C-alpha atoms as a PDB file:
ATOM      1  CA  MET A   1       0.000   0.000   0.000  1.00  0.00           C
ATOM      2  CA  ARG A   2       1.633   3.243  -1.157  1.00  0.00           C
ATOM      3  CA  ILE A   3       1.012   6.086   1.282  1.00  0.00           C
ATOM      4  CA  GLY A   4       0.613   9.764   0.487  1.00  0.00           C
ATOM      5  CA  VAL A   5       0.660  12.468   3.150  1.00  0.00           C
ATOM      6  CA  ILE A   6      -1.133  15.782   2.686  1.00  0.00           C
ATOM      7  CA  GLY A   7       0.504  18.415   4.867  1.00  0.00           C
ATOM      8  CA  GLY A   8       4.176  19.157   5.462  1.00  0.00           C
ATOM      9  CA  GLY A   9       4.027  20.441   9.025  1.00  0.00           C
ATOM     10  CA  ALA A  10       5.605  18.652  11.967  1.00  0.00           C
ATOM     11  CA  TRP A  11       2.866  16.032  12.336  1.00  0.00           C
ATOM     12  CA  GLY A  12       2.540  15.328   8.627  1.00  0.00           C
ATOM     13  CA  THR A  13       6.307  14.912   8.354  1.00  0.00           C
ATOM     14  CA  ALA A  14       6.397  12.601  11.371  1.00  0.00           C
ATOM     15  CA  LEU A  15       3.675  10.405   9.885  1.00  0.00           C
ATOM     16  CA  ALA A  16       5.544  10.290   6.583  1.00  0.00           C
ATOM     17  CA  GLN A  17       8.548   9.082   8.570  1.00  0.00           C
ATOM     18  CA  VAL A  18       6.413   6.315  10.119  1.00  0.00           C
ATOM     19  CA  ALA A  19       5.045   5.275   6.734  1.00  0.00           C
ATOM     20  CA  ALA A  20       8.558   5.204   5.248  1.00  0.00           C
ATOM     21  CA  ALA A  21      10.151   3.290   8.133  1.00  0.00           C
ATOM     22  CA  ALA A  22      10.304   0.038   6.186  1.00  0.00           C
ATOM     23  CA  GLY A  23      11.801   1.761   3.160  1.00  0.00           C
ATOM     24  CA  ASP A  24       8.538   1.987   1.217  1.00  0.00           C
ATOM     25  CA  PRO A  25       8.163   5.134  -0.914  1.00  0.00           C
ATOM     26  CA  VAL A  26       6.013   7.903   0.558  1.00  0.00           C
ATOM     27  CA  THR A  27       4.827  11.036  -1.228  1.00  0.00           C
ATOM     28  CA  LEU A  28       4.477  14.111   1.007  1.00  0.00           C
ATOM     29  CA  TRP A  29       2.622  17.187  -0.232  1.00  0.00           C
ATOM     30  CA  ALA A  30       3.501  20.536   1.305  1.00  0.00           C
ATOM     31  CA  ARG A  31       2.385  24.014   0.329  1.00  0.00           C
ATOM     32  CA  GLU A  32       5.697  25.635   1.287  1.00  0.00           C
ATOM     33  CA  HIS A  33       8.418  25.541  -1.377  1.00  0.00           C
ATOM     34  CA  ASP A  34      11.212  25.697   1.225  1.00  0.00           C
ATOM     35  CA  VAL A  35       9.801  22.664   3.064  1.00  0.00           C
ATOM     36  CA  VAL A  36       9.674  20.609  -0.141  1.00  0.00           C
ATOM     37  CA  ALA A  37      13.210  21.624  -1.077  1.00  0.00           C
ATOM     38  CA  SER A  38      14.572  20.888   2.400  1.00  0.00           C
ATOM     39  CA  ILE A  39      13.021  17.411   2.539  1.00  0.00           C
ATOM     40  CA  ASN A  40      14.165  16.432  -0.950  1.00  0.00           C
ATOM     41  CA  ARG A  41      17.688  17.853  -0.733  1.00  0.00           C
ATOM     42  CA  GLU A  42      18.675  17.504   2.925  1.00  0.00           C
ATOM     43  CA  HIS A  43      16.171  14.860   4.083  1.00  0.00           C
ATOM     44  CA  GLU A  44      15.094  17.209   6.858  1.00  0.00           C
ATOM     45  CA  ASN A  45      12.117  19.501   7.439  1.00  0.00           C
ATOM     46  CA  ARG A  46      14.099  22.457   8.716  1.00  0.00           C
ATOM     47  CA  GLN A  47      11.067  24.695   9.157  1.00  0.00           C
ATOM     48  CA  PHE A  48       8.727  22.449  11.149  1.00  0.00           C
ATOM     49  CA  LEU A  49      10.776  19.456  12.374  1.00  0.00           C
ATOM     50  CA  PRO A  50      14.429  20.541  12.521  1.00  0.00           C
ATOM     51  CA  ASN A  51      17.387  18.351  13.453  1.00  0.00           C
ATOM     52  CA  ILE A  52      15.595  15.062  12.758  1.00  0.00           C
ATOM     53  CA  PRO A  53      16.960  13.052   9.804  1.00  0.00           C
ATOM     54  CA  LEU A  54      14.195  11.851   7.513  1.00  0.00           C
ATOM     55  CA  SER A  55      13.996   8.678   5.467  1.00  0.00           C
ATOM     56  CA  ALA A  56      15.278   8.933   1.907  1.00  0.00           C
ATOM     57  CA  ALA A  57      12.085   7.106   0.891  1.00  0.00           C
ATOM     58  CA  ILE A  58      10.089  10.313   1.491  1.00  0.00           C
ATOM     59  CA  ARG A  59       9.645  12.437  -1.613  1.00  0.00           C
ATOM     60  CA  ALA A  60       8.083  15.866  -1.142  1.00  0.00           C
ATOM     61  CA  THR A  61       6.026  17.678  -3.756  1.00  0.00           C
ATOM     62  CA  GLU A  62       4.119  20.927  -4.205  1.00  0.00           C
ATOM     63  CA  SER A  63       1.596  19.304  -6.548  1.00  0.00           C
ATOM     64  CA  LEU A  64      -1.458  17.498  -5.201  1.00  0.00           C
ATOM     65  CA  ALA A  65      -1.698  15.749  -8.569  1.00  0.00           C
ATOM     66  CA  ASP A  66       1.393  13.737  -7.625  1.00  0.00           C
ATOM     67  CA  LEU A  67      -0.704  11.897  -5.028  1.00  0.00           C
ATOM     68  CA  VAL A  68      -2.700  10.123  -7.715  1.00  0.00           C
ATOM     69  CA  ALA A  69      -0.378   7.098  -7.575  1.00  0.00           C
ATOM     70  CA  CYS A  70      -0.972   6.597  -3.827  1.00  0.00           C
ATOM     71  CA  ASP A  71      -3.292   3.925  -2.460  1.00  0.00           C
ATOM     72  CA  ALA A  72      -4.241   5.770   0.746  1.00  0.00           C
ATOM     73  CA  LEU A  73      -3.860   9.362   1.905  1.00  0.00           C
ATOM     74  CA  LEU A  74      -3.044  10.660   5.386  1.00  0.00           C
ATOM     75  CA  VAL A  75      -4.597  14.122   5.618  1.00  0.00           C
ATOM     76  CA  VAL A  76      -2.689  16.346   8.028  1.00  0.00           C
ATOM     77  CA  VAL A  77      -3.686  19.919   7.124  1.00  0.00           C
ATOM     78  CA  PRO A  78      -5.157  22.324   9.733  1.00  0.00           C
ATOM     79  CA  ALA A  79      -8.838  21.733  10.351  1.00  0.00           C
ATOM     80  CA  GLN A  80      -9.997  25.079   8.981  1.00  0.00           C
ATOM     81  CA  HIS A  81      -8.235  24.407   5.653  1.00  0.00           C
ATOM     82  CA  LEU A  82      -9.316  20.787   5.247  1.00  0.00           C
ATOM     83  CA  ARG A  83     -12.302  21.403   2.961  1.00  0.00           C
ATOM     84  CA  ALA A  84     -10.346  23.602   0.546  1.00  0.00           C
ATOM     85  CA  VAL A  85      -7.381  21.223   0.285  1.00  0.00           C
ATOM     86  CA  LEU A  86      -9.543  18.124  -0.155  1.00  0.00           C
ATOM     87  CA  SER A  87     -11.476  19.903  -2.898  1.00  0.00           C
ATOM     88  CA  GLU A  88      -8.216  20.153  -4.877  1.00  0.00           C
ATOM     89  CA  THR A  89      -7.041  16.594  -4.136  1.00  0.00           C
ATOM     90  CA  PRO A  90      -7.562  13.598  -6.473  1.00  0.00           C
ATOM     91  CA  VAL A  91      -9.171  10.986  -4.203  1.00  0.00           C
ATOM     92  CA  ASP A  92     -11.972   8.952  -5.836  1.00  0.00           C
ATOM     93  CA  THR A  93     -12.280   5.745  -3.747  1.00  0.00           C
ATOM     94  CA  ARG A  94      -8.925   5.821  -1.951  1.00  0.00           C
ATOM     95  CA  PRO A  95      -9.093   5.771   1.868  1.00  0.00           C
ATOM     96  CA  LEU A  96      -8.634   9.112   3.614  1.00  0.00           C
ATOM     97  CA  VAL A  97      -7.023   8.926   7.042  1.00  0.00           C
ATOM     98  CA  LEU A  98      -7.832  12.175   8.846  1.00  0.00           C
ATOM     99  CA  CYS A  99      -5.069  13.237  11.224  1.00  0.00           C
ATOM    100  CA  ALA A 100      -6.008  16.882  11.907  1.00  0.00           C
ATOM    101  CA  LYS A 101      -7.948  17.746  15.067  1.00  0.00           C
ATOM    102  CA  GLY A 102     -10.686  20.344  15.083  1.00  0.00           C
ATOM    103  CA  ILE A 103     -14.227  21.398  14.185  1.00  0.00           C
ATOM    104  CA  GLU A 104     -14.974  23.538  11.141  1.00  0.00           C
ATOM    105  CA  ALA A 105     -16.029  27.117  11.807  1.00  0.00           C
ATOM    106  CA  GLY A 106     -19.391  28.083  10.391  1.00  0.00           C
ATOM    107  CA  THR A 107     -20.647  24.573   9.672  1.00  0.00           C
ATOM    108  CA  VAL A 108     -19.625  23.022  13.049  1.00  0.00           C
ATOM    109  CA  ALA A 109     -18.709  19.948  10.966  1.00  0.00           C
ATOM    110  CA  LEU A 110     -16.350  17.249  12.170  1.00  0.00           C
ATOM    111  CA  MET A 111     -13.409  16.406   9.935  1.00  0.00           C
ATOM    112  CA  SER A 112     -15.038  13.141   8.832  1.00  0.00           C
ATOM    113  CA  GLU A 113     -18.204  15.013   7.838  1.00  0.00           C
ATOM    114  CA  ILE A 114     -16.177  17.427   5.717  1.00  0.00           C
ATOM    115  CA  ALA A 115     -14.283  14.605   4.021  1.00  0.00           C
ATOM    116  CA  HIS A 116     -17.474  12.685   3.266  1.00  0.00           C
ATOM    117  CA  SER A 117     -19.151  15.752   1.785  1.00  0.00           C
ATOM    118  CA  VAL A 118     -16.202  16.472  -0.523  1.00  0.00           C
ATOM    119  CA  HIS A 119     -15.370  12.860  -1.449  1.00  0.00           C
ATOM    120  CA  PRO A 120     -18.469  10.738  -0.735  1.00  0.00           C
ATOM    121  CA  ARG A 121     -16.993   7.566  -2.291  1.00  0.00           C
ATOM    122  CA  ALA A 122     -13.839   7.533  -0.203  1.00  0.00           C
ATOM    123  CA  PRO A 123     -13.627   5.364   2.944  1.00  0.00           C
ATOM    124  CA  ILE A 124     -12.895   7.546   5.988  1.00  0.00           C
ATOM    125  CA  ALA A 125     -10.610   6.753   8.907  1.00  0.00           C
ATOM    126  CA  VAL A 126      -9.331   8.849  11.813  1.00  0.00           C
ATOM    127  CA  LEU A 127      -5.886   8.578  13.391  1.00  0.00           C
ATOM    128  CA  SER A 128      -5.641  10.254  16.786  1.00  0.00           C
ATOM    129  CA  GLY A 129      -3.955   9.850  20.136  1.00  0.00           C
ATOM    130  CA  PRO A 130      -1.249  11.147  22.486  1.00  0.00           C
ATOM    131  CA  THR A 131       1.492  12.130  20.064  1.00  0.00           C
ATOM    132  CA  PHE A 132       4.218  14.732  19.929  1.00  0.00           C
ATOM    133  CA  ALA A 133       5.500  14.842  16.361  1.00  0.00           C
ATOM    134  CA  ALA A 134       9.190  14.995  17.234  1.00  0.00           C
ATOM    135  CA  GLU A 135       8.970  11.880  19.419  1.00  0.00           C
ATOM    136  CA  VAL A 136       7.152   9.943  16.700  1.00  0.00           C
ATOM    137  CA  ALA A 137       9.676  11.025  14.064  1.00  0.00           C
ATOM    138  CA  ARG A 138      12.547   9.914  16.300  1.00  0.00           C
ATOM    139  CA  GLY A 139      10.978   6.489  16.735  1.00  0.00           C
ATOM    140  CA  LEU A 140      10.045   6.780  20.416  1.00  0.00           C
ATOM    141  CA  PRO A 141       7.253   4.424  21.600  1.00  0.00           C
ATOM    142  CA  THR A 142       3.794   5.686  20.632  1.00  0.00           C
ATOM    143  CA  ALA A 143       0.261   4.262  20.627  1.00  0.00           C
ATOM    144  CA  VAL A 144      -2.688   5.761  18.752  1.00  0.00           C
ATOM    145  CA  THR A 145      -6.295   5.045  17.859  1.00  0.00           C
ATOM    146  CA  LEU A 146      -7.056   4.267  14.216  1.00  0.00           C
ATOM    147  CA  ALA A 147     -10.825   4.409  13.795  1.00  0.00           C
ATOM    148  CA  CYS A 148     -12.606   3.243  10.651  1.00  0.00           C
ATOM    149  CA  ALA A 149     -16.183   2.081  10.134  1.00  0.00           C
ATOM    150  CA  ASP A 150     -14.966  -0.533   7.620  1.00  0.00           C
ATOM    151  CA  GLU A 151     -13.111  -3.132   9.699  1.00  0.00           C
ATOM    152  CA  ASN A 152     -11.157  -4.573   6.759  1.00  0.00           C
ATOM    153  CA  ILE A 153      -9.912  -1.195   5.571  1.00  0.00           C
ATOM    154  CA  GLY A 154      -9.064  -0.196   9.135  1.00  0.00           C
ATOM    155  CA  ARG A 155      -7.060  -3.381   9.638  1.00  0.00           C
ATOM    156  CA  ALA A 156      -5.161  -2.898   6.368  1.00  0.00           C
ATOM    157  CA  LEU A 157      -4.271   0.680   7.275  1.00  0.00           C
ATOM    158  CA  ALA A 158      -3.180  -0.300  10.783  1.00  0.00           C
ATOM    159  CA  GLU A 159      -0.970  -3.096   9.445  1.00  0.00           C
ATOM    160  CA  ARG A 160       0.617  -0.737   6.907  1.00  0.00           C
ATOM    161  CA  LEU A 161       1.427   1.945   9.491  1.00  0.00           C
ATOM    162  CA  ALA A 162       2.367  -0.271  12.438  1.00  0.00           C
ATOM    163  CA  GLN A 163       6.018  -0.283  13.474  1.00  0.00           C
ATOM    164  CA  PRO A 164       7.799  -1.674  16.542  1.00  0.00           C
ATOM    165  CA  THR A 165       7.529   1.782  18.129  1.00  0.00           C
ATOM    166  CA  PHE A 166       4.212   2.905  16.569  1.00  0.00           C
ATOM    167  CA  ARG A 167       1.131   0.885  17.534  1.00  0.00           C
ATOM    168  CA  PRO A 168      -2.323   1.711  16.101  1.00  0.00           C
ATOM    169  CA  TYR A 169      -5.256   0.337  18.129  1.00  0.00           C
ATOM    170  CA  ALA A 170      -8.361  -0.394  16.036  1.00  0.00           C
ATOM    171  CA  SER A 171     -11.775   1.183  16.600  1.00  0.00           C
ATOM    172  CA  ASP A 172     -14.940   1.663  14.576  1.00  0.00           C
ATOM    173  CA  ASP A 173     -15.927   4.843  16.476  1.00  0.00           C
ATOM    174  CA  VAL A 174     -14.845   7.531  14.023  1.00  0.00           C
ATOM    175  CA  ALA A 175     -16.799  10.327  15.718  1.00  0.00           C
ATOM    176  CA  GLY A 176     -15.517   9.484  19.182  1.00  0.00           C
ATOM    177  CA  ALA A 177     -11.892   9.387  18.023  1.00  0.00           C
ATOM    178  CA  GLU A 178     -12.000  12.767  16.332  1.00  0.00           C
ATOM    179  CA  ILE A 179     -14.062  14.543  19.009  1.00  0.00           C
ATOM    180  CA  GLY A 180     -11.552  13.587  21.683  1.00  0.00           C
ATOM    181  CA  GLY A 181      -8.751  15.165  19.667  1.00  0.00           C
ATOM    182  CA  ALA A 182     -10.693  18.345  18.974  1.00  0.00           C
ATOM    183  CA  VAL A 183     -11.887  18.961  22.530  1.00  0.00           C
ATOM    184  CA  LYS A 184      -8.563  18.163  24.214  1.00  0.00           C
ATOM    185  CA  ASN A 185      -6.900  21.010  22.293  1.00  0.00           C
ATOM    186  CA  VAL A 186      -9.206  23.507  23.978  1.00  0.00           C
ATOM    187  CA  LEU A 187      -8.757  21.923  27.405  1.00  0.00           C
ATOM    188  CA  ALA A 188      -4.985  22.013  26.953  1.00  0.00           C
ATOM    189  CA  ILE A 189      -5.190  25.801  26.620  1.00  0.00           C
ATOM    190  CA  ALA A 190      -7.064  25.906  29.929  1.00  0.00           C
ATOM    191  CA  CYS A 191      -4.409  23.786  31.647  1.00  0.00           C
ATOM    192  CA  GLY A 192      -1.707  26.036  30.233  1.00  0.00           C
ATOM    193  CA  VAL A 193      -3.497  29.014  31.757  1.00  0.00           C
ATOM    194  CA  VAL A 194      -3.398  27.275  35.143  1.00  0.00           C
ATOM    195  CA  ALA A 195       0.361  26.745  34.782  1.00  0.00           C
ATOM    196  CA  GLY A 196       1.048  30.260  33.505  1.00  0.00           C
ATOM    197  CA  ALA A 197      -0.964  31.860  36.298  1.00  0.00           C
ATOM    198  CA  GLY A 198       0.756  29.710  38.927  1.00  0.00           C
ATOM    199  CA  LEU A 199      -2.473  28.212  40.235  1.00  0.00           C
ATOM    200  CA  GLY A 200      -0.878  24.913  41.243  1.00  0.00           C
ATOM    201  CA  GLU A 201      -1.095  21.219  40.472  1.00  0.00           C
ATOM    202  CA  ASN A 202      -4.352  20.706  42.403  1.00  0.00           C
ATOM    203  CA  ALA A 203      -6.055  23.109  40.022  1.00  0.00           C
ATOM    204  CA  ARG A 204      -4.569  21.445  36.961  1.00  0.00           C
ATOM    205  CA  ALA A 205      -5.692  17.962  38.073  1.00  0.00           C
ATOM    206  CA  ALA A 206      -9.193  19.232  38.810  1.00  0.00           C
ATOM    207  CA  LEU A 207      -9.340  20.967  35.441  1.00  0.00           C
ATOM    208  CA  ILE A 208      -8.275  17.819  33.574  1.00  0.00           C
ATOM    209  CA  ALA A 209     -10.961  15.795  35.359  1.00  0.00           C
ATOM    210  CA  ARG A 210     -13.747  18.339  34.876  1.00  0.00           C
ATOM    211  CA  GLY A 211     -12.661  19.022  31.303  1.00  0.00           C
ATOM    212  CA  PHE A 212     -12.751  15.314  30.568  1.00  0.00           C
ATOM    213  CA  ALA A 213     -16.350  15.209  31.826  1.00  0.00           C
ATOM    214  CA  GLU A 214     -17.176  17.971  29.333  1.00  0.00           C
ATOM    215  CA  MET A 215     -15.439  16.022  26.564  1.00  0.00           C
ATOM    216  CA  VAL A 216     -17.499  12.910  27.263  1.00  0.00           C
ATOM    217  CA  ARG A 217     -20.799  14.816  27.424  1.00  0.00           C
ATOM    218  CA  TYR A 218     -20.122  16.510  24.118  1.00  0.00           C
ATOM    219  CA  GLY A 219     -18.689  13.442  22.426  1.00  0.00           C
ATOM    220  CA  VAL A 220     -21.666  11.241  23.270  1.00  0.00           C
ATOM    221  CA  ALA A 221     -24.041  13.955  22.064  1.00  0.00           C
ATOM    222  CA  ARG A 222     -22.212  14.033  18.698  1.00  0.00           C
ATOM    223  CA  GLY A 223     -22.431  10.261  18.237  1.00  0.00           C
ATOM    224  CA  GLY A 224     -19.214   9.077  19.887  1.00  0.00           C
ATOM    225  CA  ARG A 225     -18.893   6.442  22.603  1.00  0.00           C
ATOM    226  CA  ALA A 226     -17.781   7.103  26.170  1.00  0.00           C
ATOM    227  CA  GLU A 227     -15.331   4.201  26.086  1.00  0.00           C
ATOM    228  CA  THR A 228     -13.569   5.677  23.054  1.00  0.00           C
ATOM    229  CA  LEU A 229     -13.205   8.992  24.837  1.00  0.00           C
ATOM    230  CA  SER A 230     -11.699   7.139  27.806  1.00  0.00           C
ATOM    231  CA  GLY A 231      -9.000   5.710  25.543  1.00  0.00           C
ATOM    232  CA  LEU A 232      -5.953   6.938  23.672  1.00  0.00           C
ATOM    233  CA  SER A 233      -7.729   9.440  21.426  1.00  0.00           C
ATOM    234  CA  GLY A 234      -9.554  11.071  24.345  1.00  0.00           C
ATOM    235  CA  LEU A 235      -8.169  10.790  27.859  1.00  0.00           C
ATOM    236  CA  GLY A 236      -4.717   9.698  26.685  1.00  0.00           C
ATOM    237  CA  ASP A 237      -4.325  12.689  24.381  1.00  0.00           C
ATOM    238  CA  LEU A 238      -5.795  14.997  27.016  1.00  0.00           C
ATOM    239  CA  VAL A 239      -3.244  13.978  29.661  1.00  0.00           C
ATOM    240  CA  LEU A 240      -0.330  14.482  27.261  1.00  0.00           C
ATOM    241  CA  THR A 241      -1.305  17.901  25.954  1.00  0.00           C
ATOM    242  CA  CYS A 242      -2.333  19.215  29.362  1.00  0.00           C
ATOM    243  CA  SER A 243       1.061  18.430  30.872  1.00  0.00           C
ATOM    244  CA  SER A 244       3.814  19.754  28.614  1.00  0.00           C
ATOM    245  CA  VAL A 245       4.969  22.993  27.025  1.00  0.00           C
ATOM    246  CA  ALA A 246       5.791  20.873  23.963  1.00  0.00           C
ATOM    247  CA  SER A 247       2.043  21.133  23.272  1.00  0.00           C
ATOM    248  CA  ARG A 248       1.281  24.197  21.156  1.00  0.00           C
ATOM    249  CA  ASN A 249      -2.097  24.602  22.846  1.00  0.00           C
ATOM    250  CA  PHE A 250      -0.686  24.250  26.365  1.00  0.00           C
ATOM    251  CA  SER A 251       2.069  26.792  25.670  1.00  0.00           C
ATOM    252  CA  LEU A 252      -0.533  29.209  24.272  1.00  0.00           C
ATOM    253  CA  GLY A 253      -2.433  28.863  27.545  1.00  0.00           C
ATOM    254  CA  VAL A 254       0.738  29.497  29.552  1.00  0.00           C
ATOM    255  CA  GLY A 255       1.101  32.832  27.777  1.00  0.00           C
ATOM    256  CA  LEU A 256      -2.536  33.715  28.453  1.00  0.00           C
ATOM    257  CA  GLY A 257      -2.061  32.779  32.102  1.00  0.00           C
ATOM    258  CA  LYS A 258       0.851  35.210  32.307  1.00  0.00           C
ATOM    259  CA  GLY A 259      -1.350  38.010  31.018  1.00  0.00           C
ATOM    260  CA  GLU A 260      -0.295  38.108  27.377  1.00  0.00           C
ATOM    261  CA  SER A 261      -2.933  38.676  24.692  1.00  0.00           C
ATOM    262  CA  ALA A 262      -4.122  35.886  22.444  1.00  0.00           C
ATOM    263  CA  GLU A 263      -3.572  38.096  19.410  1.00  0.00           C
ATOM    264  CA  SER A 264       0.124  38.613  20.130  1.00  0.00           C
ATOM    265  CA  LEU A 265       0.699  34.985  21.113  1.00  0.00           C
ATOM    266  CA  LEU A 266      -0.912  33.608  17.953  1.00  0.00           C
ATOM    267  CA  ALA A 267       0.903  36.109  15.721  1.00  0.00           C
ATOM    268  CA  ASP A 268       4.276  34.828  16.940  1.00  0.00           C
ATOM    269  CA  ARG A 269       3.600  31.195  16.012  1.00  0.00           C
ATOM    270  CA  ALA A 270       4.770  29.443  12.866  1.00  0.00           C
ATOM    271  CA  SER A 271       2.588  26.409  13.644  1.00  0.00           C
ATOM    272  CA  VAL A 272      -1.120  26.298  14.443  1.00  0.00           C
ATOM    273  CA  ALA A 273      -2.520  26.065  17.980  1.00  0.00           C
ATOM    274  CA  GLU A 274      -5.709  24.444  16.729  1.00  0.00           C
ATOM    275  CA  GLY A 275      -7.537  24.837  20.048  1.00  0.00           C
ATOM    276  CA  ALA A 276      -7.708  28.603  19.570  1.00  0.00           C
ATOM    277  CA  PHE A 277      -9.843  28.115  16.452  1.00  0.00           C
ATOM    278  CA  THR A 278     -11.829  25.192  17.836  1.00  0.00           C
ATOM    279  CA  ALA A 279     -12.851  26.827  21.124  1.00  0.00           C
ATOM    280  CA  PRO A 280     -15.519  29.266  19.827  1.00  0.00           C
ATOM    281  CA  VAL A 281     -16.883  26.672  17.385  1.00  0.00           C
ATOM    282  CA  LEU A 282     -17.096  24.077  20.145  1.00  0.00           C
ATOM    283  CA  ALA A 283     -18.835  26.529  22.465  1.00  0.00           C
ATOM    284  CA  GLN A 284     -21.339  27.362  19.708  1.00  0.00           C
ATOM    285  CA  SER A 285     -22.047  23.696  19.061  1.00  0.00           C
ATOM    286  CA  ALA A 286     -22.376  22.864  22.770  1.00  0.00           C
ATOM    287  CA  LYS A 287     -24.849  25.694  23.259  1.00  0.00           C
ATOM    288  CA  ALA A 288     -26.978  24.441  20.366  1.00  0.00           C
ATOM    289  CA  LEU A 289     -26.947  20.947  21.894  1.00  0.00           C
ATOM    290  CA  GLU A 290     -27.693  22.388  25.371  1.00  0.00           C
ATOM    291  CA  ILE A 291     -24.514  20.867  26.818  1.00  0.00           C
ATOM    292  CA  ALA A 292     -22.784  22.634  29.715  1.00  0.00           C
ATOM    293  CA  MET A 293     -19.087  23.211  28.950  1.00  0.00           C
ATOM    294  CA  PRO A 294     -17.935  25.896  31.420  1.00  0.00           C
ATOM    295  CA  VAL A 295     -14.218  25.211  30.924  1.00  0.00           C
ATOM    296  CA  VAL A 296     -14.569  25.655  27.164  1.00  0.00           C
ATOM    297  CA  GLU A 297     -16.554  28.852  27.707  1.00  0.00           C
ATOM    298  CA  ALA A 298     -13.810  30.144  30.006  1.00  0.00           C
ATOM    299  CA  VAL A 299     -11.168  29.533  27.332  1.00  0.00           C
ATOM    300  CA  CYS A 300     -13.303  31.410  24.810  1.00  0.00           C
ATOM    301  CA  ALA A 301     -13.559  34.392  27.167  1.00  0.00           C
ATOM    302  CA  LEU A 302      -9.778  34.497  27.574  1.00  0.00           C
ATOM    303  CA  LEU A 303      -9.063  34.112  23.857  1.00  0.00           C
ATOM    304  CA  SER A 304     -11.493  36.888  22.944  1.00  0.00           C
ATOM    305  CA  GLY A 305     -10.154  39.217  25.632  1.00  0.00           C
ATOM    306  CA  GLU A 306     -13.580  39.473  27.248  1.00  0.00           C
ATOM    307  CA  SER A 307     -12.244  38.309  30.628  1.00  0.00           C
ATOM    308  CA  LYS A 308      -8.984  38.209  32.559  1.00  0.00           C
ATOM    309  CA  VAL A 309      -7.605  35.124  34.253  1.00  0.00           C
ATOM    310  CA  ASP A 310      -8.651  36.149  37.764  1.00  0.00           C
ATOM    311  CA  ALA A 311     -12.244  36.746  36.675  1.00  0.00           C
ATOM    312  CA  VAL A 312     -12.444  33.455  34.806  1.00  0.00           C
ATOM    313  CA  VAL A 313     -11.075  31.478  37.750  1.00  0.00           C
ATOM    314  CA  ALA A 314     -13.452  33.214  40.143  1.00  0.00           C
ATOM    315  CA  ALA A 315     -16.406  32.419  37.874  1.00  0.00           C
ATOM    316  CA  LEU A 316     -15.469  28.744  37.647  1.00  0.00           C
ATOM    317  CA  MET A 317     -14.931  28.428  41.396  1.00  0.00           C
ATOM    318  CA  SER A 318     -18.230  30.123  42.227  1.00  0.00           C
ATOM    319  CA  ARG A 319     -20.394  27.827  40.113  1.00  0.00           C
ATOM    320  CA  PRO A 320     -23.259  26.243  42.095  1.00  0.00           C
ATOM    321  CA  LEU A 321     -22.318  23.148  44.067  1.00  0.00           C
ATOM    322  CA  GLY A 322     -23.675  19.926  42.611  1.00  0.00           C
ATOM    323  CA  ARG A 323     -23.082  16.244  42.089  1.00  0.00           C
ATOM    324  CA  GLU A 324     -19.999  15.119  40.197  1.00  0.00           C
ATOM    325  CA  GLY A 325     -20.715  13.848  36.691  1.00  0.00           C
END
């Protein structure tokens, strides 16, 4: 199975490295000319994944048409650009493995819903879990969820991507796998705020637990299963991104917690902190579904500049007492 990767950022490059681990050719599409040149000439993505040697089996391209020879495509472009990129990509009936995490602004569509609307004949899978791109690219032990409604296609994809240090666990809960990844990005911003404001480890642990409850409520309402959200693509990913400045979303929250503005923090970033775009969309969707997500609402207030950290913390701590759940 020849793999193509759409997206030349850190995560797309790391997945190309996984797919090329056995020496099989991999085609990687990137929009940036410098990224393509760096990968093809130096076997390194100097812009997004520096100082990590890449397999010579990876060939980068600026043309989506070059993916036509691939048997399956890993789609690793930012969530808000997914529809536009897929519209330009030759797909037909080839499996699309969605690796971006987010919810589309305006439509409130999940990534799988976007992919199905653009390419209705293509089988859809979702790859998600606790992953830092640099660790995956270096071959450090990693486990992920690979969700696909078609068991045979899911198994074939998992077998193609599996390596001694990269283990995909099968699931048929596509919605649950992608919702966990989208919601955890927003919660990671909240945990970063706790760290940046110096509110302590008690507060961070409480926030992870209460945020996870919000994730499960929302995920079940959107068609996912609670057990999926308790696995790698939900709780596992949440714990990772809420605990390390290597997470773009967590580090964004740290800056907010220190009193910096979201506008200045986002302007300084070469890579996308997807949670900043997902938060208002998630809050909109939760409101329409009548689901309480106070942590998500608090992140929205901080990102928009409507509230300061002290006011947000006070509002969360003064919520009416009730039963846990």
